[in-house]
Amino acid sequence: MSGLNASLLVRDPKSKRLRVNYDPRIREMLHEAEQLMKLNLQIGSLALNLCMDEDRLKTTNDKSVYHVHAFNNVKHRISFL
């Protein structure tokens, strides 16, 4: 699965740690859409909707990465008990 249909969380096959599966192409697409809008060029409705939610998407991704990292650290510490 890829793109917006992919799972948000995936387990690394080697380390077995969780990670956030955020497609970096989303940020790239947002950047390109912003540049097109600055040039007064028309963009598709999906790109426009994503641009309107850009701050929320970035914040959600950053918080998800933080919490998954914290979860992995706690799980690692518990495994030593």
C-alpha atoms as a PDB file:
ATOM      1  CA  MET A   1       0.000   0.000   0.000  1.00  0.00           C
ATOM      2  CA  SER A   2       1.220   3.505  -0.697  1.00  0.00           C
ATOM      3  CA  GLY A   3       0.191   7.123  -0.466  1.00  0.00           C
ATOM      4  CA  LEU A   4      -2.863   8.095   1.504  1.00  0.00           C
ATOM      5  CA  ASN A   5      -4.031   4.469   1.712  1.00  0.00           C
ATOM      6  CA  ALA A   6      -0.956   3.292   3.644  1.00  0.00           C
ATOM      7  CA  SER A   7      -1.005   2.454   7.355  1.00  0.00           C
ATOM      8  CA  LEU A   8      -0.051   5.362   9.590  1.00  0.00           C
ATOM      9  CA  LEU A   9       2.001   3.152  11.910  1.00  0.00           C
ATOM     10  CA  VAL A  10       4.279   0.359  10.746  1.00  0.00           C
ATOM     11  CA  ARG A  11       6.673  -1.959  12.533  1.00  0.00           C
ATOM     12  CA  ASP A  12      10.264  -2.013  11.334  1.00  0.00           C
ATOM     13  CA  PRO A  13      10.995  -5.622  10.264  1.00  0.00           C
ATOM     14  CA  LYS A  14      14.526  -5.631  11.714  1.00  0.00           C
ATOM     15  CA  SER A  15      14.228  -3.660  14.955  1.00  0.00           C
ATOM     16  CA  LYS A  16      10.526  -4.455  15.569  1.00  0.00           C
ATOM     17  CA  ARG A  17      10.083  -0.820  16.653  1.00  0.00           C
ATOM     18  CA  LEU A  18       7.045   1.185  15.572  1.00  0.00           C
ATOM     19  CA  ARG A  19       7.499   4.139  13.269  1.00  0.00           C
ATOM     20  CA  VAL A  20       5.236   6.724  11.700  1.00  0.00           C
ATOM     21  CA  ASN A  21       4.682   5.957   8.036  1.00  0.00           C
ATOM     22  CA  TYR A  22       4.273   9.534   6.806  1.00  0.00           C
ATOM     23  CA  ASP A  23       4.869   9.816   3.082  1.00  0.00           C
ATOM     24  CA  PRO A  24       7.417  12.621   2.528  1.00  0.00           C
ATOM     25  CA  ARG A  25       5.845  13.213  -0.864  1.00  0.00           C
ATOM     26  CA  ILE A  26       2.929  14.885   0.946  1.00  0.00           C
ATOM     27  CA  ARG A  27       5.192  17.727   2.145  1.00  0.00           C
ATOM     28  CA  GLU A  28       6.753  17.919  -1.305  1.00  0.00           C
ATOM     29  CA  MET A  29       3.307  18.157  -2.906  1.00  0.00           C
ATOM     30  CA  LEU A  30       2.281  20.865  -0.426  1.00  0.00           C
ATOM     31  CA  HIS A  31       5.388  22.871  -1.245  1.00  0.00           C
ATOM     32  CA  GLU A  32       4.811  22.540  -4.984  1.00  0.00           C
ATOM     33  CA  ALA A  33       1.148  23.524  -4.643  1.00  0.00           C
ATOM     34  CA  GLU A  34       2.126  26.620  -2.651  1.00  0.00           C
ATOM     35  CA  GLN A  35       4.603  27.620  -5.341  1.00  0.00           C
ATOM     36  CA  LEU A  36       1.975  27.171  -8.050  1.00  0.00           C
ATOM     37  CA  MET A  37      -0.484  29.309  -6.096  1.00  0.00           C
ATOM     38  CA  LYS A  38       2.165  32.049  -5.738  1.00  0.00           C
ATOM     39  CA  LEU A  39       2.419  32.045  -9.531  1.00  0.00           C
ATOM     40  CA  ASN A  40      -1.387  32.385  -9.695  1.00  0.00           C
ATOM     41  CA  LEU A  41      -1.666  28.995 -11.383  1.00  0.00           C
ATOM     42  CA  GLN A  42      -4.641  26.764 -10.752  1.00  0.00           C
ATOM     43  CA  ILE A  43      -4.214  23.639  -8.631  1.00  0.00           C
ATOM     44  CA  GLY A  44      -6.521  20.669  -8.146  1.00  0.00           C
ATOM     45  CA  SER A  45      -9.133  20.581  -5.408  1.00  0.00           C
ATOM     46  CA  LEU A  46      -7.347  17.789  -3.499  1.00  0.00           C
ATOM     47  CA  ALA A  47      -4.108  19.789  -3.428  1.00  0.00           C
ATOM     48  CA  LEU A  48      -6.016  22.899  -2.375  1.00  0.00           C
ATOM     49  CA  ASN A  49      -7.733  21.022   0.473  1.00  0.00           C
ATOM     50  CA  LEU A  50      -4.395  19.625   1.648  1.00  0.00           C
ATOM     51  CA  CYS A  51      -2.883  23.119   1.571  1.00  0.00           C
ATOM     52  CA  MET A  52      -5.730  24.392   3.728  1.00  0.00           C
ATOM     53  CA  ASP A  53      -4.944  21.610   6.253  1.00  0.00           C
ATOM     54  CA  GLU A  54      -1.148  21.949   6.000  1.00  0.00           C
ATOM     55  CA  ASP A  55      -0.558  23.157   9.563  1.00  0.00           C
ATOM     56  CA  ARG A  56      -2.784  20.443  11.011  1.00  0.00           C
ATOM     57  CA  LEU A  57      -1.065  17.747   8.915  1.00  0.00           C
ATOM     58  CA  LYS A  58       2.421  18.863   9.973  1.00  0.00           C
ATOM     59  CA  THR A  59       1.427  19.157  13.632  1.00  0.00           C
ATOM     60  CA  THR A  60      -0.258  15.744  13.617  1.00  0.00           C
ATOM     61  CA  ASN A  61       2.792  14.145  12.019  1.00  0.00           C
ATOM     62  CA  ASP A  62       5.203  15.793  14.465  1.00  0.00           C
ATOM     63  CA  LYS A  63       3.098  14.757  17.471  1.00  0.00           C
ATOM     64  CA  SER A  64       2.758  11.212  16.124  1.00  0.00           C
ATOM     65  CA  VAL A  65       6.519  10.898  15.692  1.00  0.00           C
ATOM     66  CA  TYR A  66       7.055  12.212  19.229  1.00  0.00           C
ATOM     67  CA  HIS A  67       4.569   9.783  20.793  1.00  0.00           C
ATOM     68  CA  VAL A  68       5.792   6.764  18.821  1.00  0.00           C
ATOM     69  CA  HIS A  69       9.366   7.593  19.858  1.00  0.00           C
ATOM     70  CA  ALA A  70       8.249   7.846  23.509  1.00  0.00           C
ATOM     71  CA  PHE A  71       6.359   4.535  23.213  1.00  0.00           C
ATOM     72  CA  ASN A  72       9.400   2.783  21.741  1.00  0.00           C
ATOM     73  CA  ASN A  73      11.613   4.144  24.535  1.00  0.00           C
ATOM     74  CA  VAL A  74       9.228   2.991  27.276  1.00  0.00           C
ATOM     75  CA  LYS A  75       8.853  -0.431  25.665  1.00  0.00           C
ATOM     76  CA  HIS A  76      12.627  -0.742  25.418  1.00  0.00           C
ATOM     77  CA  ARG A  77      13.082   0.180  29.105  1.00  0.00           C
ATOM     78  CA  ILE A  78      10.374  -2.274  30.207  1.00  0.00           C
ATOM     79  CA  SER A  79      12.019  -5.100  28.293  1.00  0.00           C
ATOM     80  CA  PHE A  80      15.044  -4.792  30.627  1.00  0.00           C
ATOM     81  CA  LEU A  81      12.962  -5.366  33.769  1.00  0.00           C
END
